[in-house]
Amino acid sequence: MEGSRTISLTRCQAGSREEARDEVAVEEPLEIRLDGHAVAVVMRTPGHDAELAAGFLMTEGIVRTVAELRKMEERPEENRVLVFLEDGVDVDIGKLTRHFYTGSSCGLCGKATLEAIFGSFPPLGSPAPLVSDEVLLAAPEKLRAAQDAFDATGGLHAAGIFSADGALLVAREDVGRHNAVDKVIGHCLREQVDLAGAFLLVSGRVSFEIMQKALAARLPVVAGISAPSSLAVDFARESGQGLVGFLRPPGFNRYG
């Protein structure tokens, strides 16, 4: 399996020890190069690297449509994706390499952050669709069934995009929850999937950055198996997105 590797270990339990082998999730760096310039290095689980790069570039506001992507070339042996834009697509490479943030310690917070994000990704122009309780409650089981690498390793996050009627359109796994989100968004960008009535489900908590990525893709509703952060709630209420947390049958919370 591409996303896992077999290792040897010593299993300790109730005072006894035994030599064993187990599967662990693979974590390796991926360099994204844009028209020959290195713009980002992300720690990810190999697989669907072009989707990850496409989703990253979209959620950073570099590309809006697949028509702006002239060519994408995966080089897995080099842990690299080469991206080439169509002529006429202008990018400030220096700004991009200086201004992207990762993880929960990015240092961005509060009203100024929301205003800065909305300058690049405007709030939804109409109220988010109300996904039915029935569709929401059925989604976690569908996403869980698609987590083959998690079954082998127990160490991967998952993200899935669902249609309004609850069909799972795409699911991806990764050691980084934000990478899993970028992969499903990148898939939909490259396949030109209409996301107007769709929703995003993540296997853990919902952070501000996940809300921002969803808004960049114009995903109107985001749901998480666990809790949202305070800034994710603020973001949803400002952006007009629907936000669902603690989606664990038989219940869930609606925040926006």
C-alpha atoms as a PDB file:
ATOM      1  CA  MET A   1       0.000   0.000   0.000  1.00  0.00           C
ATOM      2  CA  GLU A   2       1.472   3.356  -1.096  1.00  0.00           C
ATOM      3  CA  GLY A   3       0.475   5.211   2.066  1.00  0.00           C
ATOM      4  CA  SER A   4       1.984   2.748   4.536  1.00  0.00           C
ATOM      5  CA  ARG A   5       5.236   0.934   5.279  1.00  0.00           C
ATOM      6  CA  THR A   6       5.980  -2.220   7.268  1.00  0.00           C
ATOM      7  CA  ILE A   7       8.344  -1.808  10.232  1.00  0.00           C
ATOM      8  CA  SER A   8       9.654  -4.014  13.016  1.00  0.00           C
ATOM      9  CA  LEU A   9       8.827  -3.209  16.640  1.00  0.00           C
ATOM     10  CA  THR A  10       8.758  -4.565  20.162  1.00  0.00           C
ATOM     11  CA  ARG A  11       5.225  -4.939  21.488  1.00  0.00           C
ATOM     12  CA  CYS A  12       5.004  -4.504  25.292  1.00  0.00           C
ATOM     13  CA  GLN A  13       1.871  -5.535  27.146  1.00  0.00           C
ATOM     14  CA  ALA A  14       1.164  -6.616  30.729  1.00  0.00           C
ATOM     15  CA  GLY A  15       4.868  -7.004  31.458  1.00  0.00           C
ATOM     16  CA  SER A  16       5.614  -9.184  28.434  1.00  0.00           C
ATOM     17  CA  ARG A  17       7.505  -8.306  25.256  1.00  0.00           C
ATOM     18  CA  GLU A  18       7.428  -9.777  21.783  1.00  0.00           C
ATOM     19  CA  GLU A  19       8.978  -8.875  18.450  1.00  0.00           C
ATOM     20  CA  ALA A  20       6.385  -7.949  15.853  1.00  0.00           C
ATOM     21  CA  ARG A  21       5.816  -6.140  12.581  1.00  0.00           C
ATOM     22  CA  ASP A  22       3.259  -3.475  11.856  1.00  0.00           C
ATOM     23  CA  GLU A  23       2.167  -0.915   9.274  1.00  0.00           C
ATOM     24  CA  VAL A  24       2.876   2.799   9.798  1.00  0.00           C
ATOM     25  CA  ALA A  25       1.677   5.758   7.747  1.00  0.00           C
ATOM     26  CA  VAL A  26       4.293   7.156   5.375  1.00  0.00           C
ATOM     27  CA  GLU A  27       5.248  10.800   5.873  1.00  0.00           C
ATOM     28  CA  GLU A  28       7.564  12.442   3.334  1.00  0.00           C
ATOM     29  CA  PRO A  29       8.164  15.988   2.059  1.00  0.00           C
ATOM     30  CA  LEU A  30       6.601  17.147  -1.191  1.00  0.00           C
ATOM     31  CA  GLU A  31       8.030  20.146  -3.005  1.00  0.00           C
ATOM     32  CA  ILE A  32       5.602  22.093  -5.176  1.00  0.00           C
ATOM     33  CA  ARG A  33       7.297  23.976  -8.001  1.00  0.00           C
ATOM     34  CA  LEU A  34       5.363  26.601  -9.929  1.00  0.00           C
ATOM     35  CA  ASP A  35       6.768  27.538 -13.338  1.00  0.00           C
ATOM     36  CA  GLY A  36      10.202  26.449 -12.142  1.00  0.00           C
ATOM     37  CA  HIS A  37      10.076  28.146  -8.726  1.00  0.00           C
ATOM     38  CA  ALA A  38       9.833  26.221  -5.447  1.00  0.00           C
ATOM     39  CA  VAL A  39       6.817  27.723  -3.666  1.00  0.00           C
ATOM     40  CA  ALA A  40       6.067  25.235  -0.883  1.00  0.00           C
ATOM     41  CA  VAL A  41       7.217  22.096   0.874  1.00  0.00           C
ATOM     42  CA  VAL A  42       4.524  20.117   2.671  1.00  0.00           C
ATOM     43  CA  MET A  43       4.851  16.983   4.759  1.00  0.00           C
ATOM     44  CA  ARG A  44       2.383  14.529   3.284  1.00  0.00           C
ATOM     45  CA  THR A  45       1.525  10.894   2.662  1.00  0.00           C
ATOM     46  CA  PRO A  46       2.573  10.014  -0.914  1.00  0.00           C
ATOM     47  CA  GLY A  47      -0.238   9.492  -3.395  1.00  0.00           C
ATOM     48  CA  HIS A  48      -2.451  11.882  -5.347  1.00  0.00           C
ATOM     49  CA  ASP A  49       0.364  14.440  -5.291  1.00  0.00           C
ATOM     50  CA  ALA A  50      -0.942  16.387  -8.292  1.00  0.00           C
ATOM     51  CA  GLU A  51      -4.308  16.725  -6.558  1.00  0.00           C
ATOM     52  CA  LEU A  52      -2.558  17.991  -3.441  1.00  0.00           C
ATOM     53  CA  ALA A  53      -0.621  20.577  -5.446  1.00  0.00           C
ATOM     54  CA  ALA A  54      -3.723  21.701  -7.345  1.00  0.00           C
ATOM     55  CA  GLY A  55      -5.736  22.018  -4.148  1.00  0.00           C
ATOM     56  CA  PHE A  56      -2.945  23.920  -2.406  1.00  0.00           C
ATOM     57  CA  LEU A  57      -2.653  26.388  -5.294  1.00  0.00           C
ATOM     58  CA  MET A  58      -6.409  26.906  -5.373  1.00  0.00           C
ATOM     59  CA  THR A  59      -6.761  27.436  -1.635  1.00  0.00           C
ATOM     60  CA  GLU A  60      -3.829  29.876  -1.735  1.00  0.00           C
ATOM     61  CA  GLY A  61      -5.695  31.878  -4.390  1.00  0.00           C
ATOM     62  CA  ILE A  62      -3.122  31.192  -7.108  1.00  0.00           C
ATOM     63  CA  VAL A  63      -5.523  29.449  -9.493  1.00  0.00           C
ATOM     64  CA  ARG A  64      -9.300  29.581  -9.693  1.00  0.00           C
ATOM     65  CA  THR A  65     -10.095  27.142 -12.490  1.00  0.00           C
ATOM     66  CA  VAL A  66      -8.482  24.151 -14.159  1.00  0.00           C
ATOM     67  CA  ALA A  67      -8.164  26.237 -17.331  1.00  0.00           C
ATOM     68  CA  GLU A  68      -5.312  28.145 -15.673  1.00  0.00           C
ATOM     69  CA  LEU A  69      -3.260  24.951 -15.288  1.00  0.00           C
ATOM     70  CA  ARG A  70      -1.329  24.183 -18.468  1.00  0.00           C
ATOM     71  CA  LYS A  71       0.468  21.086 -17.197  1.00  0.00           C
ATOM     72  CA  MET A  72       1.109  19.155 -13.983  1.00  0.00           C
ATOM     73  CA  GLU A  73       3.912  16.603 -13.733  1.00  0.00           C
ATOM     74  CA  GLU A  74       4.304  14.251 -10.772  1.00  0.00           C
ATOM     75  CA  ARG A  75       7.844  13.136  -9.933  1.00  0.00           C
ATOM     76  CA  PRO A  76       7.313  10.715  -7.041  1.00  0.00           C
ATOM     77  CA  GLU A  77      10.920   9.522  -7.034  1.00  0.00           C
ATOM     78  CA  GLU A  78      11.946  13.137  -6.324  1.00  0.00           C
ATOM     79  CA  ASN A  79       9.019  13.951  -3.996  1.00  0.00           C
ATOM     80  CA  ARG A  80       8.143  16.814  -6.299  1.00  0.00           C
ATOM     81  CA  VAL A  81       5.265  18.120  -8.408  1.00  0.00           C
ATOM     82  CA  LEU A  82       5.942  20.486 -11.294  1.00  0.00           C
ATOM     83  CA  VAL A  83       3.111  22.869 -12.129  1.00  0.00           C
ATOM     84  CA  PHE A  84       3.010  25.054 -15.223  1.00  0.00           C
ATOM     85  CA  LEU A  85       0.449  27.831 -15.622  1.00  0.00           C
ATOM     86  CA  GLU A  86      -1.116  29.017 -18.843  1.00  0.00           C
ATOM     87  CA  ASP A  87       0.299  32.152 -20.437  1.00  0.00           C
ATOM     88  CA  GLY A  88      -1.266  35.277 -18.982  1.00  0.00           C
ATOM     89  CA  VAL A  89      -1.791  33.876 -15.466  1.00  0.00           C
ATOM     90  CA  ASP A  90       0.252  36.291 -13.353  1.00  0.00           C
ATOM     91  CA  VAL A  91       1.602  35.165  -9.983  1.00  0.00           C
ATOM     92  CA  ASP A  92       3.706  37.065  -7.454  1.00  0.00           C
ATOM     93  CA  ILE A  93       6.116  34.219  -6.686  1.00  0.00           C
ATOM     94  CA  GLY A  94       7.905  36.185  -3.981  1.00  0.00           C
ATOM     95  CA  LYS A  95       4.672  36.887  -2.131  1.00  0.00           C
ATOM     96  CA  LEU A  96       3.612  33.257  -2.360  1.00  0.00           C
ATOM     97  CA  THR A  97       6.869  31.881  -0.965  1.00  0.00           C
ATOM     98  CA  ARG A  98       6.812  34.393   1.909  1.00  0.00           C
ATOM     99  CA  HIS A  99       3.144  34.142   2.827  1.00  0.00           C
ATOM    100  CA  PHE A 100       1.705  30.728   3.391  1.00  0.00           C
ATOM    101  CA  TYR A 101       0.990  29.272   6.808  1.00  0.00           C
ATOM    102  CA  THR A 102       0.535  25.753   8.156  1.00  0.00           C
ATOM    103  CA  GLY A 103      -0.864  24.060  11.219  1.00  0.00           C
ATOM    104  CA  SER A 104      -2.579  25.441  14.281  1.00  0.00           C
ATOM    105  CA  SER A 105       0.338  27.693  15.268  1.00  0.00           C
ATOM    106  CA  CYS A 106       0.183  30.040  12.295  1.00  0.00           C
ATOM    107  CA  GLY A 107      -0.288  33.069  14.541  1.00  0.00           C
ATOM    108  CA  LEU A 108      -3.256  34.384  12.576  1.00  0.00           C
ATOM    109  CA  CYS A 109      -6.321  35.267  14.565  1.00  0.00           C
ATOM    110  CA  GLY A 110      -9.292  37.554  14.982  1.00  0.00           C
ATOM    111  CA  LYS A 111     -11.091  40.117  12.875  1.00  0.00           C
ATOM    112  CA  ALA A 112      -8.054  41.246  10.884  1.00  0.00           C
ATOM    113  CA  THR A 113      -7.513  37.680   9.710  1.00  0.00           C
ATOM    114  CA  LEU A 114     -11.092  37.291   8.490  1.00  0.00           C
ATOM    115  CA  GLU A 115     -10.977  40.589   6.609  1.00  0.00           C
ATOM    116  CA  ALA A 116      -7.692  39.605   4.954  1.00  0.00           C
ATOM    117  CA  ILE A 117      -9.062  36.222   3.859  1.00  0.00           C
ATOM    118  CA  PHE A 118     -12.324  37.684   2.579  1.00  0.00           C
ATOM    119  CA  GLY A 119     -10.265  40.069   0.451  1.00  0.00           C
ATOM    120  CA  SER A 120      -9.132  37.052  -1.564  1.00  0.00           C
ATOM    121  CA  PHE A 121     -12.130  34.758  -1.090  1.00  0.00           C
ATOM    122  CA  PRO A 122     -15.395  36.691  -0.730  1.00  0.00           C
ATOM    123  CA  PRO A 123     -18.174  35.320   1.495  1.00  0.00           C
ATOM    124  CA  LEU A 124     -20.863  33.210  -0.138  1.00  0.00           C
ATOM    125  CA  GLY A 125     -23.407  35.349  -1.894  1.00  0.00           C
ATOM    126  CA  SER A 126     -26.407  33.345  -0.708  1.00  0.00           C
ATOM    127  CA  PRO A 127     -27.231  31.377   2.443  1.00  0.00           C
ATOM    128  CA  ALA A 128     -25.586  27.968   2.674  1.00  0.00           C
ATOM    129  CA  PRO A 129     -27.904  25.069   1.789  1.00  0.00           C
ATOM    130  CA  LEU A 130     -29.285  23.181   4.758  1.00  0.00           C
ATOM    131  CA  VAL A 131     -28.020  19.616   4.393  1.00  0.00           C
ATOM    132  CA  SER A 132     -30.651  17.262   5.779  1.00  0.00           C
ATOM    133  CA  ASP A 133     -30.116  15.466   9.075  1.00  0.00           C
ATOM    134  CA  GLU A 134     -30.467  12.125   7.301  1.00  0.00           C
ATOM    135  CA  VAL A 135     -27.738  12.911   4.760  1.00  0.00           C
ATOM    136  CA  LEU A 136     -25.355  14.244   7.412  1.00  0.00           C
ATOM    137  CA  LEU A 137     -25.789  11.288   9.751  1.00  0.00           C
ATOM    138  CA  ALA A 138     -25.088   8.789   6.962  1.00  0.00           C
ATOM    139  CA  ALA A 139     -21.880  10.522   5.842  1.00  0.00           C
ATOM    140  CA  PRO A 140     -19.397   9.417   8.567  1.00  0.00           C
ATOM    141  CA  GLU A 141     -19.929   5.722   7.857  1.00  0.00           C
ATOM    142  CA  LYS A 142     -19.394   6.296   4.124  1.00  0.00           C
ATOM    143  CA  LEU A 143     -16.162   8.193   4.748  1.00  0.00           C
ATOM    144  CA  ARG A 144     -14.952   5.588   7.234  1.00  0.00           C
ATOM    145  CA  ALA A 145     -15.525   2.819   4.671  1.00  0.00           C
ATOM    146  CA  ALA A 146     -13.153   4.637   2.293  1.00  0.00           C
ATOM    147  CA  GLN A 147     -10.276   4.791   4.817  1.00  0.00           C
ATOM    148  CA  ASP A 148      -8.265   1.756   3.716  1.00  0.00           C
ATOM    149  CA  ALA A 149      -4.909   3.193   4.803  1.00  0.00           C
ATOM    150  CA  PHE A 150      -6.284   4.098   8.226  1.00  0.00           C
ATOM    151  CA  ASP A 151      -7.416   0.496   8.638  1.00  0.00           C
ATOM    152  CA  ALA A 152      -3.826  -0.615   8.052  1.00  0.00           C
ATOM    153  CA  THR A 153      -2.039   2.037  10.134  1.00  0.00           C
ATOM    154  CA  GLY A 154      -4.455   3.866  12.440  1.00  0.00           C
ATOM    155  CA  GLY A 155      -2.482   7.011  11.631  1.00  0.00           C
ATOM    156  CA  LEU A 156      -4.183   8.968   8.849  1.00  0.00           C
ATOM    157  CA  HIS A 157      -6.741  11.749   8.599  1.00  0.00           C
ATOM    158  CA  ALA A 158      -9.464  11.650   5.956  1.00  0.00           C
ATOM    159  CA  ALA A 159     -11.529  14.162   4.020  1.00  0.00           C
ATOM    160  CA  GLY A 160     -14.469  13.551   1.729  1.00  0.00           C
ATOM    161  CA  ILE A 161     -16.669  15.663  -0.510  1.00  0.00           C
ATOM    162  CA  PHE A 162     -20.311  14.642  -0.737  1.00  0.00           C
ATOM    163  CA  SER A 163     -23.111  15.663  -3.076  1.00  0.00           C
ATOM    164  CA  ALA A 164     -26.236  17.301  -1.691  1.00  0.00           C
ATOM    165  CA  ASP A 165     -28.022  13.935  -1.686  1.00  0.00           C
ATOM    166  CA  GLY A 166     -25.204  12.261   0.262  1.00  0.00           C
ATOM    167  CA  ALA A 167     -23.205  10.490  -2.454  1.00  0.00           C
ATOM    168  CA  LEU A 168     -19.477  10.335  -1.665  1.00  0.00           C
ATOM    169  CA  LEU A 169     -17.799  12.036  -4.639  1.00  0.00           C
ATOM    170  CA  VAL A 170     -14.177  11.677  -3.519  1.00  0.00           C
ATOM    171  CA  ALA A 171     -12.262  10.685  -0.377  1.00  0.00           C
ATOM    172  CA  ARG A 172      -8.575  10.997   0.396  1.00  0.00           C
ATOM    173  CA  GLU A 173      -6.307  10.155   3.352  1.00  0.00           C
ATOM    174  CA  ASP A 174      -3.128  11.829   4.576  1.00  0.00           C
ATOM    175  CA  VAL A 175      -1.010  12.273   7.704  1.00  0.00           C
ATOM    176  CA  GLY A 176      -1.993  15.959   7.527  1.00  0.00           C
ATOM    177  CA  ARG A 177      -5.684  16.843   7.736  1.00  0.00           C
ATOM    178  CA  HIS A 178      -5.102  19.960   5.638  1.00  0.00           C
ATOM    179  CA  ASN A 179      -3.389  17.865   2.965  1.00  0.00           C
ATOM    180  CA  ALA A 180      -6.378  15.514   2.819  1.00  0.00           C
ATOM    181  CA  VAL A 181      -8.610  18.550   2.263  1.00  0.00           C
ATOM    182  CA  ASP A 182      -6.313  19.915  -0.444  1.00  0.00           C
ATOM    183  CA  LYS A 183      -6.357  16.524  -2.177  1.00  0.00           C
ATOM    184  CA  VAL A 184     -10.152  16.318  -2.415  1.00  0.00           C
ATOM    185  CA  ILE A 185     -10.408  19.966  -3.479  1.00  0.00           C
ATOM    186  CA  GLY A 186      -7.651  19.439  -6.041  1.00  0.00           C
ATOM    187  CA  HIS A 187      -9.450  16.382  -7.408  1.00  0.00           C
ATOM    188  CA  CYS A 188     -12.644  18.368  -7.867  1.00  0.00           C
ATOM    189  CA  LEU A 189     -10.757  21.265  -9.468  1.00  0.00           C
ATOM    190  CA  ARG A 190      -9.052  19.004 -12.002  1.00  0.00           C
ATOM    191  CA  GLU A 191     -12.239  17.052 -12.751  1.00  0.00           C
ATOM    192  CA  GLN A 192     -14.355  20.245 -12.851  1.00  0.00           C
ATOM    193  CA  VAL A 193     -16.820  18.956 -10.259  1.00  0.00           C
ATOM    194  CA  ASP A 194     -19.635  21.390  -9.443  1.00  0.00           C
ATOM    195  CA  LEU A 195     -19.453  22.009  -5.685  1.00  0.00           C
ATOM    196  CA  ALA A 196     -22.359  24.447  -5.412  1.00  0.00           C
ATOM    197  CA  GLY A 197     -24.514  22.081  -3.340  1.00  0.00           C
ATOM    198  CA  ALA A 198     -21.780  19.838  -1.967  1.00  0.00           C
ATOM    199  CA  PHE A 199     -20.327  19.536   1.523  1.00  0.00           C
ATOM    200  CA  LEU A 200     -16.931  18.669   2.983  1.00  0.00           C
ATOM    201  CA  LEU A 201     -16.516  16.147   5.809  1.00  0.00           C
ATOM    202  CA  VAL A 202     -13.262  15.789   7.767  1.00  0.00           C
ATOM    203  CA  SER A 203     -12.462  12.935  10.121  1.00  0.00           C
ATOM    204  CA  GLY A 204     -11.353  15.152  13.016  1.00  0.00           C
ATOM    205  CA  ARG A 205     -11.746  18.709  14.205  1.00  0.00           C
ATOM    206  CA  VAL A 206     -12.604  21.690  11.995  1.00  0.00           C
ATOM    207  CA  SER A 207     -10.028  24.488  12.104  1.00  0.00           C
ATOM    208  CA  PHE A 208     -10.077  27.988  10.692  1.00  0.00           C
ATOM    209  CA  GLU A 209      -7.760  26.879   7.889  1.00  0.00           C
ATOM    210  CA  ILE A 210     -10.112  24.106   6.800  1.00  0.00           C
ATOM    211  CA  MET A 211     -12.969  26.627   6.640  1.00  0.00           C
ATOM    212  CA  GLN A 212     -10.791  28.939   4.566  1.00  0.00           C
ATOM    213  CA  LYS A 213      -9.842  26.152   2.158  1.00  0.00           C
ATOM    214  CA  ALA A 214     -13.506  25.206   1.764  1.00  0.00           C
ATOM    215  CA  LEU A 215     -14.445  28.819   1.046  1.00  0.00           C
ATOM    216  CA  ALA A 216     -11.703  29.075  -1.578  1.00  0.00           C
ATOM    217  CA  ALA A 217     -13.304  26.086  -3.328  1.00  0.00           C
ATOM    218  CA  ARG A 218     -16.776  27.647  -2.795  1.00  0.00           C
ATOM    219  CA  LEU A 219     -17.852  24.681  -0.676  1.00  0.00           C
ATOM    220  CA  PRO A 220     -20.907  25.954   1.199  1.00  0.00           C
ATOM    221  CA  VAL A 221     -20.973  23.458   4.090  1.00  0.00           C
ATOM    222  CA  VAL A 222     -18.225  21.892   6.226  1.00  0.00           C
ATOM    223  CA  ALA A 223     -18.719  19.096   8.755  1.00  0.00           C
ATOM    224  CA  GLY A 224     -16.346  17.458  11.211  1.00  0.00           C
ATOM    225  CA  ILE A 225     -16.456  14.336  13.326  1.00  0.00           C
ATOM    226  CA  SER A 226     -14.980  16.363  16.191  1.00  0.00           C
ATOM    227  CA  ALA A 227     -15.213  19.953  17.438  1.00  0.00           C
ATOM    228  CA  PRO A 228     -14.717  23.183  15.520  1.00  0.00           C
ATOM    229  CA  SER A 229     -12.331  25.832  16.811  1.00  0.00           C
ATOM    230  CA  SER A 230     -13.612  29.228  17.938  1.00  0.00           C
ATOM    231  CA  LEU A 231     -12.167  30.913  14.864  1.00  0.00           C
ATOM    232  CA  ALA A 232     -13.753  28.298  12.590  1.00  0.00           C
ATOM    233  CA  VAL A 233     -17.144  29.212  14.089  1.00  0.00           C
ATOM    234  CA  ASP A 234     -16.457  32.941  13.647  1.00  0.00           C
ATOM    235  CA  PHE A 235     -15.298  32.327  10.085  1.00  0.00           C
ATOM    236  CA  ALA A 236     -18.416  30.334   9.163  1.00  0.00           C
ATOM    237  CA  ARG A 237     -20.719  33.028  10.496  1.00  0.00           C
ATOM    238  CA  GLU A 238     -18.884  35.748   8.578  1.00  0.00           C
ATOM    239  CA  SER A 239     -18.527  33.758   5.338  1.00  0.00           C
ATOM    240  CA  GLY A 240     -22.083  32.424   5.235  1.00  0.00           C
ATOM    241  CA  GLN A 241     -20.926  28.796   5.277  1.00  0.00           C
ATOM    242  CA  GLY A 242     -22.742  26.049   7.112  1.00  0.00           C
ATOM    243  CA  LEU A 243     -20.685  24.411   9.870  1.00  0.00           C
ATOM    244  CA  VAL A 244     -21.433  21.107  11.591  1.00  0.00           C
ATOM    245  CA  GLY A 245     -19.428  19.595  14.439  1.00  0.00           C
ATOM    246  CA  PHE A 246     -19.460  16.445  16.564  1.00  0.00           C
ATOM    247  CA  LEU A 247     -21.080  14.588  13.651  1.00  0.00           C
ATOM    248  CA  ARG A 248     -21.444  11.261  15.413  1.00  0.00           C
ATOM    249  CA  PRO A 249     -24.714   9.394  14.936  1.00  0.00           C
ATOM    250  CA  PRO A 250     -27.270   9.800  16.275  1.00  0.00           C
ATOM    251  CA  GLY A 251     -26.517  13.532  16.684  1.00  0.00           C
ATOM    252  CA  PHE A 252     -24.463  16.581  15.755  1.00  0.00           C
ATOM    253  CA  ASN A 253     -24.223  20.338  16.361  1.00  0.00           C
ATOM    254  CA  ARG A 254     -24.925  23.100  13.846  1.00  0.00           C
ATOM    255  CA  TYR A 255     -22.823  26.254  14.334  1.00  0.00           C
ATOM    256  CA  GLY A 256     -23.522  28.235  11.200  1.00  0.00           C
END
